[in-house]
Amino acid sequence: NVVPRIGVLRPDSARSAIREMFLRHVIGGKRLSASAE
């Protein structure tokens, strides 16, 4: 949870998950390059 309680922001876990999805779908989605490289 990014806000486990009021006044607290914990971004690290969500940032890691967003990066995972970026690599899987934006970079791995062949929108920019057809090469696996």
PDB file of all heavy atoms in Angstrom:
ATOM      1  N   ASN A   1       0.837  -1.200   0.000  1.00  0.00           N
ATOM      2  CA  ASN A   1       0.000   0.000   0.000  1.00  0.00           C
ATOM      3  C   ASN A   1       0.875   1.255   0.000  1.00  0.00           C
ATOM      4  O   ASN A   1       1.777   1.389   0.829  1.00  0.00           O
ATOM      5  CB  ASN A   1      -0.910  -0.007   1.233  1.00  0.00           C
ATOM      6  CG  ASN A   1      -2.012   1.034   1.157  1.00  0.00           C
ATOM      7  OD1 ASN A   1      -2.047   1.860   0.242  1.00  0.00           O
ATOM      8  ND2 ASN A   1      -2.921   0.990   2.120  1.00  0.00           N
ATOM      9  N   VAL A   2       0.607   2.185  -0.929  1.00  0.00           N
ATOM     10  CA  VAL A   2       1.406   3.412  -0.977  1.00  0.00           C
ATOM     11  C   VAL A   2       1.088   4.337   0.188  1.00  0.00           C
ATOM     12  O   VAL A   2       1.914   5.166   0.579  1.00  0.00           O
ATOM     13  CB  VAL A   2       1.218   4.151  -2.323  1.00  0.00           C
ATOM     14  CG1 VAL A   2       1.743   3.316  -3.472  1.00  0.00           C
ATOM     15  CG2 VAL A   2      -0.236   4.539  -2.549  1.00  0.00           C
ATOM     16  N   VAL A   3      -0.129   4.217   0.756  1.00  0.00           N
ATOM     17  CA  VAL A   3      -0.501   5.022   1.932  1.00  0.00           C
ATOM     18  C   VAL A   3      -1.040   4.082   3.005  1.00  0.00           C
ATOM     19  O   VAL A   3      -2.254   3.936   3.171  1.00  0.00           O
ATOM     20  CB  VAL A   3      -1.547   6.105   1.591  1.00  0.00           C
ATOM     21  CG1 VAL A   3      -1.830   6.987   2.816  1.00  0.00           C
ATOM     22  CG2 VAL A   3      -1.074   6.978   0.441  1.00  0.00           C
ATOM     23  N   PRO A   4      -0.156   3.403   3.731  1.00  0.00           N
ATOM     24  CA  PRO A   4      -0.648   2.462   4.751  1.00  0.00           C
ATOM     25  C   PRO A   4      -1.404   3.155   5.876  1.00  0.00           C
ATOM     26  O   PRO A   4      -2.274   2.562   6.507  1.00  0.00           O
ATOM     27  CB  PRO A   4       0.633   1.796   5.255  1.00  0.00           C
ATOM     28  CG  PRO A   4       1.730   2.762   4.933  1.00  0.00           C
ATOM     29  CD  PRO A   4       1.308   3.430   3.663  1.00  0.00           C
ATOM     30  N   ARG A   5      -1.052   4.420   6.124  1.00  0.00           N
ATOM     31  CA  ARG A   5      -1.810   5.230   7.077  1.00  0.00           C
ATOM     32  C   ARG A   5      -1.639   6.692   6.687  1.00  0.00           C
ATOM     33  O   ARG A   5      -0.713   7.050   5.959  1.00  0.00           O
ATOM     34  CB  ARG A   5      -1.337   4.994   8.520  1.00  0.00           C
ATOM     35  CG  ARG A   5       0.093   5.396   8.818  1.00  0.00           C
ATOM     36  CD  ARG A   5       0.444   5.079  10.276  1.00  0.00           C
ATOM     37  NE  ARG A   5       1.757   5.605  10.653  1.00  0.00           N
ATOM     38  CZ  ARG A   5       2.910   4.991  10.430  1.00  0.00           C
ATOM     39  NH1 ARG A   5       2.902   3.813   9.807  1.00  0.00           N
ATOM     40  NH2 ARG A   5       4.043   5.523  10.812  1.00  0.00           N
ATOM     41  N   ILE A   6      -2.552   7.524   7.160  1.00  0.00           N
ATOM     42  CA  ILE A   6      -2.525   8.939   6.806  1.00  0.00           C
ATOM     43  C   ILE A   6      -1.202   9.567   7.251  1.00  0.00           C
ATOM     44  O   ILE A   6      -0.732   9.349   8.372  1.00  0.00           O
ATOM     45  CB  ILE A   6      -3.706   9.687   7.464  1.00  0.00           C
ATOM     46  CG1 ILE A   6      -5.027   9.174   6.884  1.00  0.00           C
ATOM     47  CG2 ILE A   6      -3.579  11.188   7.221  1.00  0.00           C
ATOM     48  CD1 ILE A   6      -5.191   9.422   5.407  1.00  0.00           C
ATOM     49  N   GLY A   7      -0.604  10.340   6.368  1.00  0.00           N
ATOM     50  CA  GLY A   7       0.657  11.011   6.685  1.00  0.00           C
ATOM     51  C   GLY A   7       1.884  10.213   6.328  1.00  0.00           C
ATOM     52  O   GLY A   7       3.000  10.664   6.543  1.00  0.00           O
ATOM     53  N   VAL A   8       1.706   9.008   5.748  1.00  0.00           N
ATOM     54  CA  VAL A   8       2.833   8.147   5.390  1.00  0.00           C
ATOM     55  C   VAL A   8       2.729   7.798   3.910  1.00  0.00           C
ATOM     56  O   VAL A   8       1.660   7.411   3.425  1.00  0.00           O
ATOM     57  CB  VAL A   8       2.840   6.853   6.231  1.00  0.00           C
ATOM     58  CG1 VAL A   8       3.940   5.913   5.751  1.00  0.00           C
ATOM     59  CG2 VAL A   8       3.023   7.188   7.712  1.00  0.00           C
ATOM     60  N   LEU A   9       3.824   7.934   3.185  1.00  0.00           N
ATOM     61  CA  LEU A   9       3.886   7.546   1.780  1.00  0.00           C
ATOM     62  C   LEU A   9       5.027   6.556   1.603  1.00  0.00           C
ATOM     63  O   LEU A   9       6.178   6.868   1.912  1.00  0.00           O
ATOM     64  CB  LEU A   9       4.111   8.770   0.891  1.00  0.00           C
ATOM     65  CG  LEU A   9       4.276   8.502  -0.617  1.00  0.00           C
ATOM     66  CD1 LEU A   9       3.032   7.834  -1.179  1.00  0.00           C
ATOM     67  CD2 LEU A   9       4.574   9.796  -1.359  1.00  0.00           C
ATOM     68  N   ARG A  10       4.711   5.355   1.134  1.00  0.00           N
ATOM     69  CA  ARG A  10       5.714   4.309   0.910  1.00  0.00           C
ATOM     70  C   ARG A  10       5.691   3.905  -0.565  1.00  0.00           C
ATOM     71  O   ARG A  10       4.904   3.043  -0.966  1.00  0.00           O
ATOM     72  CB  ARG A  10       5.435   3.111   1.812  1.00  0.00           C
ATOM     73  CG  ARG A  10       5.692   3.428   3.283  1.00  0.00           C
ATOM     74  CD  ARG A  10       5.487   2.249   4.180  1.00  0.00           C
ATOM     75  NE  ARG A  10       5.768   2.577   5.567  1.00  0.00           N
ATOM     76  CZ  ARG A  10       5.346   1.869   6.609  1.00  0.00           C
ATOM     77  NH1 ARG A  10       4.648   0.767   6.400  1.00  0.00           N
ATOM     78  NH2 ARG A  10       5.638   2.248   7.841  1.00  0.00           N
ATOM     79  N   PRO A  11       6.559   4.489  -1.370  1.00  0.00           N
ATOM     80  CA  PRO A  11       6.483   4.301  -2.822  1.00  0.00           C
ATOM     81  C   PRO A  11       7.283   3.134  -3.378  1.00  0.00           C
ATOM     82  O   PRO A  11       7.054   2.725  -4.519  1.00  0.00           O
ATOM     83  CB  PRO A  11       7.049   5.624  -3.351  1.00  0.00           C
ATOM     84  CG  PRO A  11       8.073   6.016  -2.319  1.00  0.00           C
ATOM     85  CD  PRO A  11       7.506   5.553  -0.993  1.00  0.00           C
ATOM     86  N   ASP A  12       8.249   2.595  -2.636  1.00  0.00           N
ATOM     87  CA  ASP A  12       9.255   1.718  -3.234  1.00  0.00           C
ATOM     88  C   ASP A  12       8.669   0.459  -3.864  1.00  0.00           C
ATOM     89  O   ASP A  12       9.039   0.065  -4.977  1.00  0.00           O
ATOM     90  CB  ASP A  12      10.308   1.335  -2.195  1.00  0.00           C
ATOM     91  CG  ASP A  12      11.179   2.512  -1.795  1.00  0.00           C
ATOM     92  OD1 ASP A  12      11.123   3.552  -2.491  1.00  0.00           O
ATOM     93  OD2 ASP A  12      11.904   2.406  -0.782  1.00  0.00           O
ATOM     94  N   SER A  13       7.760  -0.213  -3.178  1.00  0.00           N
ATOM     95  CA  SER A  13       7.198  -1.451  -3.703  1.00  0.00           C
ATOM     96  C   SER A  13       6.403  -1.181  -4.983  1.00  0.00           C
ATOM     97  O   SER A  13       6.525  -1.916  -5.977  1.00  0.00           O
ATOM     98  CB  SER A  13       6.306  -2.111  -2.657  1.00  0.00           C
ATOM     99  OG  SER A  13       5.714  -3.285  -3.158  1.00  0.00           O
ATOM    100  N   ALA A  14       5.621  -0.120  -4.987  1.00  0.00           N
ATOM    101  CA  ALA A  14       4.836   0.215  -6.176  1.00  0.00           C
ATOM    102  C   ALA A  14       5.744   0.632  -7.328  1.00  0.00           C
ATOM    103  O   ALA A  14       5.482   0.300  -8.495  1.00  0.00           O
ATOM    104  CB  ALA A  14       3.842   1.328  -5.854  1.00  0.00           C
ATOM    105  N   ARG A  15       6.814   1.349  -7.028  1.00  0.00           N
ATOM    106  CA  ARG A  15       7.758   1.744  -8.076  1.00  0.00           C
ATOM    107  C   ARG A  15       8.367   0.513  -8.744  1.00  0.00           C
ATOM    108  O   ARG A  15       8.505   0.457  -9.968  1.00  0.00           O
ATOM    109  CB  ARG A  15       8.866   2.616  -7.499  1.00  0.00           C
ATOM    110  CG  ARG A  15       8.450   4.041  -7.159  1.00  0.00           C
ATOM    111  CD  ARG A  15       9.634   4.862  -6.698  1.00  0.00           C
ATOM    112  NE  ARG A  15      10.628   5.008  -7.756  1.00  0.00           N
ATOM    113  CZ  ARG A  15      11.833   5.527  -7.572  1.00  0.00           C
ATOM    114  NH1 ARG A  15      12.193   5.937  -6.367  1.00  0.00           N
ATOM    115  NH2 ARG A  15      12.666   5.644  -8.577  1.00  0.00           N
ATOM    116  N   SER A  16       8.728  -0.482  -7.948  1.00  0.00           N
ATOM    117  CA  SER A  16       9.293  -1.708  -8.508  1.00  0.00           C
ATOM    118  C   SER A  16       8.278  -2.432  -9.391  1.00  0.00           C
ATOM    119  O   SER A  16       8.622  -2.950 -10.465  1.00  0.00           O
ATOM    120  CB  SER A  16       9.758  -2.636  -7.386  1.00  0.00           C
ATOM    121  OG  SER A  16      10.815  -2.063  -6.648  1.00  0.00           O
ATOM    122  N   ALA A  17       7.028  -2.459  -8.954  1.00  0.00           N
ATOM    123  CA  ALA A  17       5.988  -3.130  -9.735  1.00  0.00           C
ATOM    124  C   ALA A  17       5.725  -2.386 -11.044  1.00  0.00           C
ATOM    125  O   ALA A  17       5.506  -3.008 -12.093  1.00  0.00           O
ATOM    126  CB  ALA A  17       4.706  -3.225  -8.909  1.00  0.00           C
ATOM    127  N   ILE A  18       5.733  -1.064 -11.005  1.00  0.00           N
ATOM    128  CA  ILE A  18       5.524  -0.279 -12.222  1.00  0.00           C
ATOM    129  C   ILE A  18       6.668  -0.515 -13.199  1.00  0.00           C
ATOM    130  O   ILE A  18       6.455  -0.662 -14.416  1.00  0.00           O
ATOM    131  CB  ILE A  18       5.387   1.220 -11.867  1.00  0.00           C
ATOM    132  CG1 ILE A  18       4.056   1.468 -11.152  1.00  0.00           C
ATOM    133  CG2 ILE A  18       5.490   2.090 -13.119  1.00  0.00           C
ATOM    134  CD1 ILE A  18       3.928   2.845 -10.552  1.00  0.00           C
ATOM    135  N   ARG A  19       7.893  -0.566 -12.690  1.00  0.00           N
ATOM    136  CA  ARG A  19       9.034  -0.835 -13.576  1.00  0.00           C
ATOM    137  C   ARG A  19       8.887  -2.218 -14.206  1.00  0.00           C
ATOM    138  O   ARG A  19       9.177  -2.390 -15.399  1.00  0.00           O
ATOM    139  CB  ARG A  19      10.350  -0.751 -12.805  1.00  0.00           C
ATOM    140  CG  ARG A  19      11.566  -0.971 -13.696  1.00  0.00           C
ATOM    141  CD  ARG A  19      12.869  -0.973 -12.940  1.00  0.00           C
ATOM    142  NE  ARG A  19      13.255   0.345 -12.489  1.00  0.00           N
ATOM    143  CZ  ARG A  19      14.493   0.666 -12.081  1.00  0.00           C
ATOM    144  NH1 ARG A  19      15.440  -0.256 -12.096  1.00  0.00           N
ATOM    145  NH2 ARG A  19      14.774   1.863 -11.672  1.00  0.00           N
ATOM    146  N   GLU A  20       8.456  -3.197 -13.444  1.00  0.00           N
ATOM    147  CA  GLU A  20       8.247  -4.548 -13.987  1.00  0.00           C
ATOM    148  C   GLU A  20       7.255  -4.515 -15.141  1.00  0.00           C
ATOM    149  O   GLU A  20       7.471  -5.125 -16.203  1.00  0.00           O
ATOM    150  CB  GLU A  20       7.734  -5.466 -12.878  1.00  0.00           C
ATOM    151  CG  GLU A  20       7.348  -6.859 -13.345  1.00  0.00           C
ATOM    152  CD  GLU A  20       6.667  -7.675 -12.248  1.00  0.00           C
ATOM    153  OE1 GLU A  20       6.903  -7.389 -11.054  1.00  0.00           O
ATOM    154  OE2 GLU A  20       5.880  -8.583 -12.605  1.00  0.00           O
ATOM    155  N   MET A  21       6.154  -3.782 -14.966  1.00  0.00           N
ATOM    156  CA  MET A  21       5.144  -3.703 -16.014  1.00  0.00           C
ATOM    157  C   MET A  21       5.650  -2.910 -17.218  1.00  0.00           C
ATOM    158  O   MET A  21       5.318  -3.219 -18.371  1.00  0.00           O
ATOM    159  CB  MET A  21       3.865  -3.066 -15.462  1.00  0.00           C
ATOM    160  CG  MET A  21       3.114  -3.963 -14.490  1.00  0.00           C
ATOM    161  SD  MET A  21       2.649  -5.558 -15.255  1.00  0.00           S
ATOM    162  CE  MET A  21       1.467  -6.173 -14.062  1.00  0.00           C
ATOM    163  N   PHE A  22       6.458  -1.891 -16.978  1.00  0.00           N
ATOM    164  CA  PHE A  22       7.048  -1.124 -18.071  1.00  0.00           C
ATOM    165  C   PHE A  22       7.908  -2.026 -18.952  1.00  0.00           C
ATOM    166  O   PHE A  22       7.808  -2.004 -20.185  1.00  0.00           O
ATOM    167  CB  PHE A  22       7.888   0.022 -17.500  1.00  0.00           C
ATOM    168  CG  PHE A  22       8.743   0.737 -18.517  1.00  0.00           C
ATOM    169  CD1 PHE A  22       8.189   1.654 -19.389  1.00  0.00           C
ATOM    170  CD2 PHE A  22      10.103   0.487 -18.589  1.00  0.00           C
ATOM    171  CE1 PHE A  22       8.980   2.323 -20.324  1.00  0.00           C
ATOM    172  CE2 PHE A  22      10.907   1.138 -19.517  1.00  0.00           C
ATOM    173  CZ  PHE A  22      10.331   2.060 -20.389  1.00  0.00           C
ATOM    174  N   LEU A  23       8.748  -2.814 -18.328  1.00  0.00           N
ATOM    175  CA  LEU A  23       9.632  -3.701 -19.089  1.00  0.00           C
ATOM    176  C   LEU A  23       8.839  -4.768 -19.825  1.00  0.00           C
ATOM    177  O   LEU A  23       9.138  -5.116 -20.971  1.00  0.00           O
ATOM    178  CB  LEU A  23      10.656  -4.342 -18.160  1.00  0.00           C
ATOM    179  CG  LEU A  23      11.661  -3.385 -17.516  1.00  0.00           C
ATOM    180  CD1 LEU A  23      12.531  -4.133 -16.506  1.00  0.00           C
ATOM    181  CD2 LEU A  23      12.529  -2.723 -18.574  1.00  0.00           C
ATOM    182  N   ARG A  24       7.811  -5.279 -19.189  1.00  0.00           N
ATOM    183  CA  ARG A  24       7.052  -6.376 -19.774  1.00  0.00           C
ATOM    184  C   ARG A  24       6.175  -5.915 -20.936  1.00  0.00           C
ATOM    185  O   ARG A  24       6.071  -6.582 -21.965  1.00  0.00           O
ATOM    186  CB  ARG A  24       6.187  -7.039 -18.712  1.00  0.00           C
ATOM    187  CG  ARG A  24       5.503  -8.319 -19.206  1.00  0.00           C
ATOM    188  CD  ARG A  24       4.455  -8.828 -18.233  1.00  0.00           C
ATOM    189  NE  ARG A  24       4.968  -8.996 -16.884  1.00  0.00           N
ATOM    190  CZ  ARG A  24       4.193  -9.282 -15.827  1.00  0.00           C
ATOM    191  NH1 ARG A  24       2.881  -9.409 -16.002  1.00  0.00           N
ATOM    192  NH2 ARG A  24       4.718  -9.416 -14.632  1.00  0.00           N
ATOM    193  N   HIS A  25       5.539  -4.756 -20.791  1.00  0.00           N
ATOM    194  CA  HIS A  25       4.530  -4.354 -21.762  1.00  0.00           C
ATOM    195  C   HIS A  25       4.996  -3.250 -22.722  1.00  0.00           C
ATOM    196  O   HIS A  25       4.697  -3.321 -23.908  1.00  0.00           O
ATOM    197  CB  HIS A  25       3.264  -3.892 -21.030  1.00  0.00           C
ATOM    198  CG  HIS A  25       2.543  -5.006 -20.347  1.00  0.00           C
ATOM    199  ND1 HIS A  25       1.571  -5.762 -20.957  1.00  0.00           N
ATOM    200  CD2 HIS A  25       2.679  -5.510 -19.092  1.00  0.00           C
ATOM    201  CE1 HIS A  25       1.127  -6.679 -20.110  1.00  0.00           C
ATOM    202  NE2 HIS A  25       1.780  -6.549 -18.970  1.00  0.00           N
ATOM    203  N   VAL A  26       5.683  -2.229 -22.215  1.00  0.00           N
ATOM    204  CA  VAL A  26       6.102  -1.138 -23.093  1.00  0.00           C
ATOM    205  C   VAL A  26       7.337  -1.543 -23.883  1.00  0.00           C
ATOM    206  O   VAL A  26       7.384  -1.415 -25.110  1.00  0.00           O
ATOM    207  CB  VAL A  26       6.377   0.147 -22.287  1.00  0.00           C
ATOM    208  CG1 VAL A  26       6.864   1.261 -23.205  1.00  0.00           C
ATOM    209  CG2 VAL A  26       5.110   0.584 -21.550  1.00  0.00           C
ATOM    210  N   ILE A  27       8.345  -2.059 -23.179  1.00  0.00           N
ATOM    211  CA  ILE A  27       9.574  -2.457 -23.862  1.00  0.00           C
ATOM    212  C   ILE A  27       9.411  -3.822 -24.514  1.00  0.00           C
ATOM    213  O   ILE A  27       9.852  -4.050 -25.645  1.00  0.00           O
ATOM    214  CB  ILE A  27      10.753  -2.485 -22.873  1.00  0.00           C
ATOM    215  CG1 ILE A  27      10.946  -1.093 -22.262  1.00  0.00           C
ATOM    216  CG2 ILE A  27      12.030  -2.950 -23.562  1.00  0.00           C
ATOM    217  CD1 ILE A  27      11.167   0.009 -23.284  1.00  0.00           C
ATOM    218  N   GLY A  28       8.768  -4.738 -23.851  1.00  0.00           N
ATOM    219  CA  GLY A  28       8.595  -6.081 -24.403  1.00  0.00           C
ATOM    220  C   GLY A  28       7.442  -6.211 -25.373  1.00  0.00           C
ATOM    221  O   GLY A  28       7.254  -7.258 -25.982  1.00  0.00           O
ATOM    222  N   GLY A  29       6.661  -5.144 -25.543  1.00  0.00           N
ATOM    223  CA  GLY A  29       5.473  -5.230 -26.395  1.00  0.00           C
ATOM    224  C   GLY A  29       5.731  -5.023 -27.867  1.00  0.00           C
ATOM    225  O   GLY A  29       4.787  -4.952 -28.654  1.00  0.00           O
ATOM    226  N   LYS A  30       7.008  -4.860 -28.269  1.00  0.00           N
ATOM    227  CA  LYS A  30       7.401  -4.715 -29.672  1.00  0.00           C
ATOM    228  C   LYS A  30       6.819  -3.453 -30.311  1.00  0.00           C
ATOM    229  O   LYS A  30       6.738  -3.344 -31.536  1.00  0.00           O
ATOM    230  CB  LYS A  30       7.013  -5.952 -30.492  1.00  0.00           C
ATOM    231  CG  LYS A  30       7.721  -7.218 -30.028  1.00  0.00           C
ATOM    232  CD  LYS A  30       7.451  -8.396 -30.947  1.00  0.00           C
ATOM    233  CE  LYS A  30       8.217  -9.635 -30.475  1.00  0.00           C
ATOM    234  NZ  LYS A  30       7.982 -10.804 -31.323  1.00  0.00           N
ATOM    235  N   ARG A  31       6.426  -2.483 -29.482  1.00  0.00           N
ATOM    236  CA  ARG A  31       5.927  -1.231 -30.037  1.00  0.00           C
ATOM    237  C   ARG A  31       7.066  -0.391 -30.606  1.00  0.00           C
ATOM    238  O   ARG A  31       6.894   0.352 -31.559  1.00  0.00           O
ATOM    239  CB  ARG A  31       5.202  -0.443 -28.930  1.00  0.00           C
ATOM    240  CG  ARG A  31       4.501   0.807 -29.397  1.00  0.00           C
ATOM    241  CD  ARG A  31       3.778   1.475 -28.255  1.00  0.00           C
ATOM    242  NE  ARG A  31       4.696   2.242 -27.427  1.00  0.00           N
ATOM    243  CZ  ARG A  31       4.368   2.765 -26.244  1.00  0.00           C
ATOM    244  NH1 ARG A  31       3.171   2.526 -25.740  1.00  0.00           N
ATOM    245  NH2 ARG A  31       5.233   3.478 -25.548  1.00  0.00           N
ATOM    246  N   LEU A  32       8.248  -0.530 -30.006  1.00  0.00           N
ATOM    247  CA  LEU A  32       9.381   0.300 -30.392  1.00  0.00           C
ATOM    248  C   LEU A  32      10.403  -0.462 -31.222  1.00  0.00           C
ATOM    249  O   LEU A  32      11.116   0.132 -32.029  1.00  0.00           O
ATOM    250  CB  LEU A  32      10.054   0.859 -29.143  1.00  0.00           C
ATOM    251  CG  LEU A  32       9.155   1.703 -28.229  1.00  0.00           C
ATOM    252  CD1 LEU A  32       9.893   2.076 -26.957  1.00  0.00           C
ATOM    253  CD2 LEU A  32       8.694   2.953 -28.955  1.00  0.00           C
ATOM    254  N   SER A  33      10.515  -1.745 -31.004  1.00  0.00           N
ATOM    255  CA  SER A  33      11.490  -2.544 -31.736  1.00  0.00           C
ATOM    256  C   SER A  33      10.984  -3.980 -31.868  1.00  0.00           C
ATOM    257  O   SER A  33      10.391  -4.521 -30.925  1.00  0.00           O
ATOM    258  CB  SER A  33      12.846  -2.548 -31.020  1.00  0.00           C
ATOM    259  OG  SER A  33      13.769  -3.398 -31.671  1.00  0.00           O
ATOM    260  N   ALA A  34      11.231  -4.564 -33.020  1.00  0.00           N
ATOM    261  CA  ALA A  34      10.854  -5.961 -33.236  1.00  0.00           C
ATOM    262  C   ALA A  34      11.907  -6.927 -32.724  1.00  0.00           C
ATOM    263  O   ALA A  34      11.696  -8.135 -32.706  1.00  0.00           O
ATOM    264  CB  ALA A  34      10.608  -6.202 -34.727  1.00  0.00           C
ATOM    265  N   SER A  35      13.037  -6.382 -32.275  1.00  0.00           N
ATOM    266  CA  SER A  35      14.154  -7.227 -31.862  1.00  0.00           C
ATOM    267  C   SER A  35      14.123  -7.486 -30.358  1.00  0.00           C
ATOM    268  O   SER A  35      13.894  -6.574 -29.559  1.00  0.00           O
ATOM    269  CB  SER A  35      15.480  -6.559 -32.235  1.00  0.00           C
ATOM    270  OG  SER A  35      16.568  -7.266 -31.684  1.00  0.00           O
ATOM    271  N   ALA A  36      14.398  -8.716 -29.978  1.00  0.00           N
ATOM    272  CA  ALA A  36      14.494  -9.060 -28.563  1.00  0.00           C
ATOM    273  C   ALA A  36      15.697  -8.396 -27.911  1.00  0.00           C
ATOM    274  O   ALA A  36      15.758  -8.289 -26.680  1.00  0.00           O
ATOM    275  CB  ALA A  36      14.589 -10.580 -28.406  1.00  0.00           C
ATOM    276  N   GLU A  37      16.646  -7.928 -28.715  1.00  0.00           N
ATOM    277  CA  GLU A  37      17.834  -7.257 -28.182  1.00  0.00           C
ATOM    278  C   GLU A  37      17.446  -6.009 -27.400  1.00  0.00           C
ATOM    279  O   GLU A  37      18.064  -5.675 -26.388  1.00  0.00           O
ATOM    280  CB  GLU A  37      18.774  -6.890 -29.327  1.00  0.00           C
ATOM    281  CG  GLU A  37      20.077  -6.233 -28.869  1.00  0.00           C
ATOM    282  CD  GLU A  37      20.961  -5.826 -30.027  1.00  0.00           C
ATOM    283  OE1 GLU A  37      20.599  -6.131 -31.192  1.00  0.00           O
ATOM    284  OE2 GLU A  37      22.008  -5.205 -29.777  1.00  0.00           O
TER     285      GLU A  37
END
